[in-house]
């Protein structure tokens, strides 16, 4: 029986393929820059403000 045609086999993990490093901020820096102002704005715009938390 003659061997069939051979096909190129790709590796399971593509660790050998070097991907270009994206320029700009890292993911952690970008998330911090985006979420920090949103959290501060939400805290500043909460209804009631300060002083009402002492009431039971």
N, C-alpha and C. Protein backbone atom coordinates (compact mmCIF):
# COMPACT_ATOMS: atom_id res chain seq x y z
N UNK A 1 0.86 -1.19 0.00
CA UNK A 1 0.00 0.00 0.00
C UNK A 1 0.90 1.24 0.00
N UNK A 2 0.64 2.15 -0.89
CA UNK A 2 1.46 3.35 -1.02
C UNK A 2 1.02 4.39 0.00
N UNK A 3 1.98 5.12 0.58
CA UNK A 3 1.59 6.17 1.55
C UNK A 3 0.83 7.29 0.85
N UNK A 4 -0.12 7.86 1.56
CA UNK A 4 -0.93 8.94 1.01
C UNK A 4 -0.16 10.25 0.99
N UNK A 5 -0.80 11.29 0.51
CA UNK A 5 -0.12 12.59 0.47
C UNK A 5 0.12 13.11 1.89
N UNK A 6 1.21 13.79 2.06
CA UNK A 6 1.53 14.34 3.37
C UNK A 6 1.08 15.79 3.44
N UNK A 7 0.58 16.14 4.59
CA UNK A 7 0.10 17.50 4.82
C UNK A 7 0.95 18.12 5.92
N UNK A 8 1.22 19.43 5.84
CA UNK A 8 1.98 20.06 6.91
C UNK A 8 1.17 20.08 8.20
N UNK A 9 1.79 19.73 9.30
CA UNK A 9 1.13 19.67 10.59
C UNK A 9 1.54 20.88 11.40
N UNK A 10 0.54 21.61 11.85
CA UNK A 10 0.82 22.77 12.70
C UNK A 10 0.97 22.33 14.14
N UNK A 11 1.86 22.95 14.90
CA UNK A 11 2.00 22.58 16.32
C UNK A 11 0.75 22.98 17.10
N UNK A 12 0.49 22.24 18.18
CA UNK A 12 -0.68 22.51 19.01
C UNK A 12 -0.61 23.91 19.61
N UNK A 13 0.54 24.24 20.14
CA UNK A 13 0.74 25.59 20.70
C UNK A 13 1.55 26.41 19.72
N UNK A 14 1.16 27.62 19.54
CA UNK A 14 1.87 28.48 18.60
C UNK A 14 2.89 29.34 19.34
N UNK A 15 3.59 28.74 20.31
CA UNK A 15 4.58 29.48 21.08
C UNK A 15 5.80 29.80 20.23
N UNK A 16 6.03 29.01 19.20
CA UNK A 16 7.20 29.23 18.36
C UNK A 16 7.00 30.42 17.43
N UNK A 17 5.75 30.80 17.21
CA UNK A 17 5.46 31.93 16.33
C UNK A 17 5.55 33.20 17.17
N UNK A 18 6.42 34.10 16.78
CA UNK A 18 6.59 35.35 17.53
C UNK A 18 5.57 36.36 17.03
N UNK A 19 4.79 36.83 17.95
CA UNK A 19 3.79 37.85 17.63
C UNK A 19 4.38 39.22 17.90
N UNK A 20 4.03 40.19 17.10
CA UNK A 20 4.55 41.54 17.36
C UNK A 20 3.96 42.11 18.65
N UNK A 21 4.77 42.80 19.40
CA UNK A 21 4.33 43.42 20.65
C UNK A 21 3.54 44.67 20.32
N UNK A 22 2.30 44.77 20.80
CA UNK A 22 1.53 45.98 20.49
C UNK A 22 2.09 47.19 21.21
N UNK A 23 2.08 48.30 20.55
CA UNK A 23 2.58 49.52 21.16
C UNK A 23 1.52 50.13 22.07
N UNK A 24 1.93 51.00 22.95
CA UNK A 24 0.98 51.68 23.82
C UNK A 24 0.98 51.11 25.22
N UNK A 25 -0.14 51.30 25.92
CA UNK A 25 -0.26 50.88 27.31
C UNK A 25 -0.44 49.37 27.42
N UNK A 26 -0.02 48.84 28.55
CA UNK A 26 -0.31 47.45 28.84
C UNK A 26 -1.78 47.34 29.25
N UNK A 27 -2.26 46.13 29.34
CA UNK A 27 -3.67 45.92 29.67
C UNK A 27 -3.98 46.42 31.08
N UNK A 28 -3.10 46.18 32.03
CA UNK A 28 -3.34 46.60 33.41
C UNK A 28 -3.35 48.12 33.51
N UNK A 29 -2.43 48.78 32.83
CA UNK A 29 -2.38 50.24 32.87
C UNK A 29 -3.63 50.83 32.23
N UNK A 30 -4.04 50.27 31.11
CA UNK A 30 -5.23 50.78 30.43
C UNK A 30 -6.48 50.61 31.29
N UNK A 31 -6.61 49.45 31.94
CA UNK A 31 -7.78 49.22 32.80
C UNK A 31 -7.78 50.18 33.99
N UNK A 32 -6.61 50.45 34.55
CA UNK A 32 -6.53 51.38 35.68
C UNK A 32 -6.88 52.79 35.26
N UNK A 33 -6.39 53.21 34.12
CA UNK A 33 -6.66 54.56 33.63
C UNK A 33 -8.14 54.74 33.32
N UNK A 34 -8.79 53.68 32.86
CA UNK A 34 -10.21 53.78 32.50
C UNK A 34 -11.10 53.68 33.72
N UNK A 35 -10.80 52.75 34.65
CA UNK A 35 -11.73 52.50 35.76
C UNK A 35 -11.56 53.45 36.94
N UNK A 36 -10.37 53.96 37.19
CA UNK A 36 -10.17 54.83 38.35
C UNK A 36 -11.04 56.09 38.30
N UNK A 37 -11.08 56.83 37.19
CA UNK A 37 -11.98 58.00 37.16
C UNK A 37 -13.46 57.61 37.29
N UNK A 38 -13.83 56.46 36.76
CA UNK A 38 -15.23 56.04 36.86
C UNK A 38 -15.60 55.73 38.31
N UNK A 39 -14.71 55.07 39.03
CA UNK A 39 -14.98 54.75 40.43
C UNK A 39 -15.03 56.02 41.27
N UNK A 40 -14.11 56.94 41.03
CA UNK A 40 -14.12 58.20 41.78
C UNK A 40 -15.37 59.03 41.48
N UNK A 41 -15.79 59.05 40.22
CA UNK A 41 -16.99 59.79 39.87
C UNK A 41 -18.24 59.16 40.49
N UNK A 42 -18.30 57.84 40.51
CA UNK A 42 -19.45 57.17 41.12
C UNK A 42 -19.49 57.44 42.62
N UNK A 43 -18.34 57.48 43.27
CA UNK A 43 -18.31 57.77 44.70
C UNK A 43 -18.69 59.22 44.97
N UNK A 44 -18.29 60.13 44.10
CA UNK A 44 -18.60 61.55 44.30
C UNK A 44 -20.07 61.85 44.02
N UNK A 45 -20.67 61.09 43.13
CA UNK A 45 -22.06 61.37 42.73
C UNK A 45 -23.09 60.54 43.48
N UNK A 46 -22.66 59.82 44.50
CA UNK A 46 -23.62 59.03 45.27
C UNK A 46 -24.61 59.94 45.96
N UNK A 47 -25.87 59.57 45.95
CA UNK A 47 -26.85 60.42 46.63
C UNK A 47 -26.66 60.36 48.15
N UNK A 48 -26.90 61.46 48.79
CA UNK A 48 -26.78 61.51 50.25
C UNK A 48 -25.48 62.12 50.72
N UNK A 49 -24.42 61.80 50.08
CA UNK A 49 -23.13 62.37 50.46
C UNK A 49 -22.66 61.84 51.79
N UNK A 50 -21.80 62.62 52.44
CA UNK A 50 -21.23 62.21 53.72
C UNK A 50 -22.13 62.66 54.87
N UNK A 51 -21.99 62.02 56.01
CA UNK A 51 -22.71 62.45 57.19
C UNK A 51 -23.98 61.68 57.44
N UNK A 52 -24.51 61.02 56.46
CA UNK A 52 -25.75 60.28 56.65
C UNK A 52 -25.48 58.83 57.06
N UNK A 53 -24.24 58.38 56.97
CA UNK A 53 -23.93 56.99 57.29
C UNK A 53 -23.97 56.71 58.78
N UNK A 54 -23.90 57.76 59.63
CA UNK A 54 -23.89 57.55 61.08
C UNK A 54 -25.29 57.28 61.61
N UNK A 55 -26.33 57.57 60.82
CA UNK A 55 -27.70 57.35 61.26
C UNK A 55 -28.03 55.87 61.20
N UNK A 56 -28.61 55.33 62.24
CA UNK A 56 -28.94 53.90 62.28
C UNK A 56 -30.35 53.62 61.87
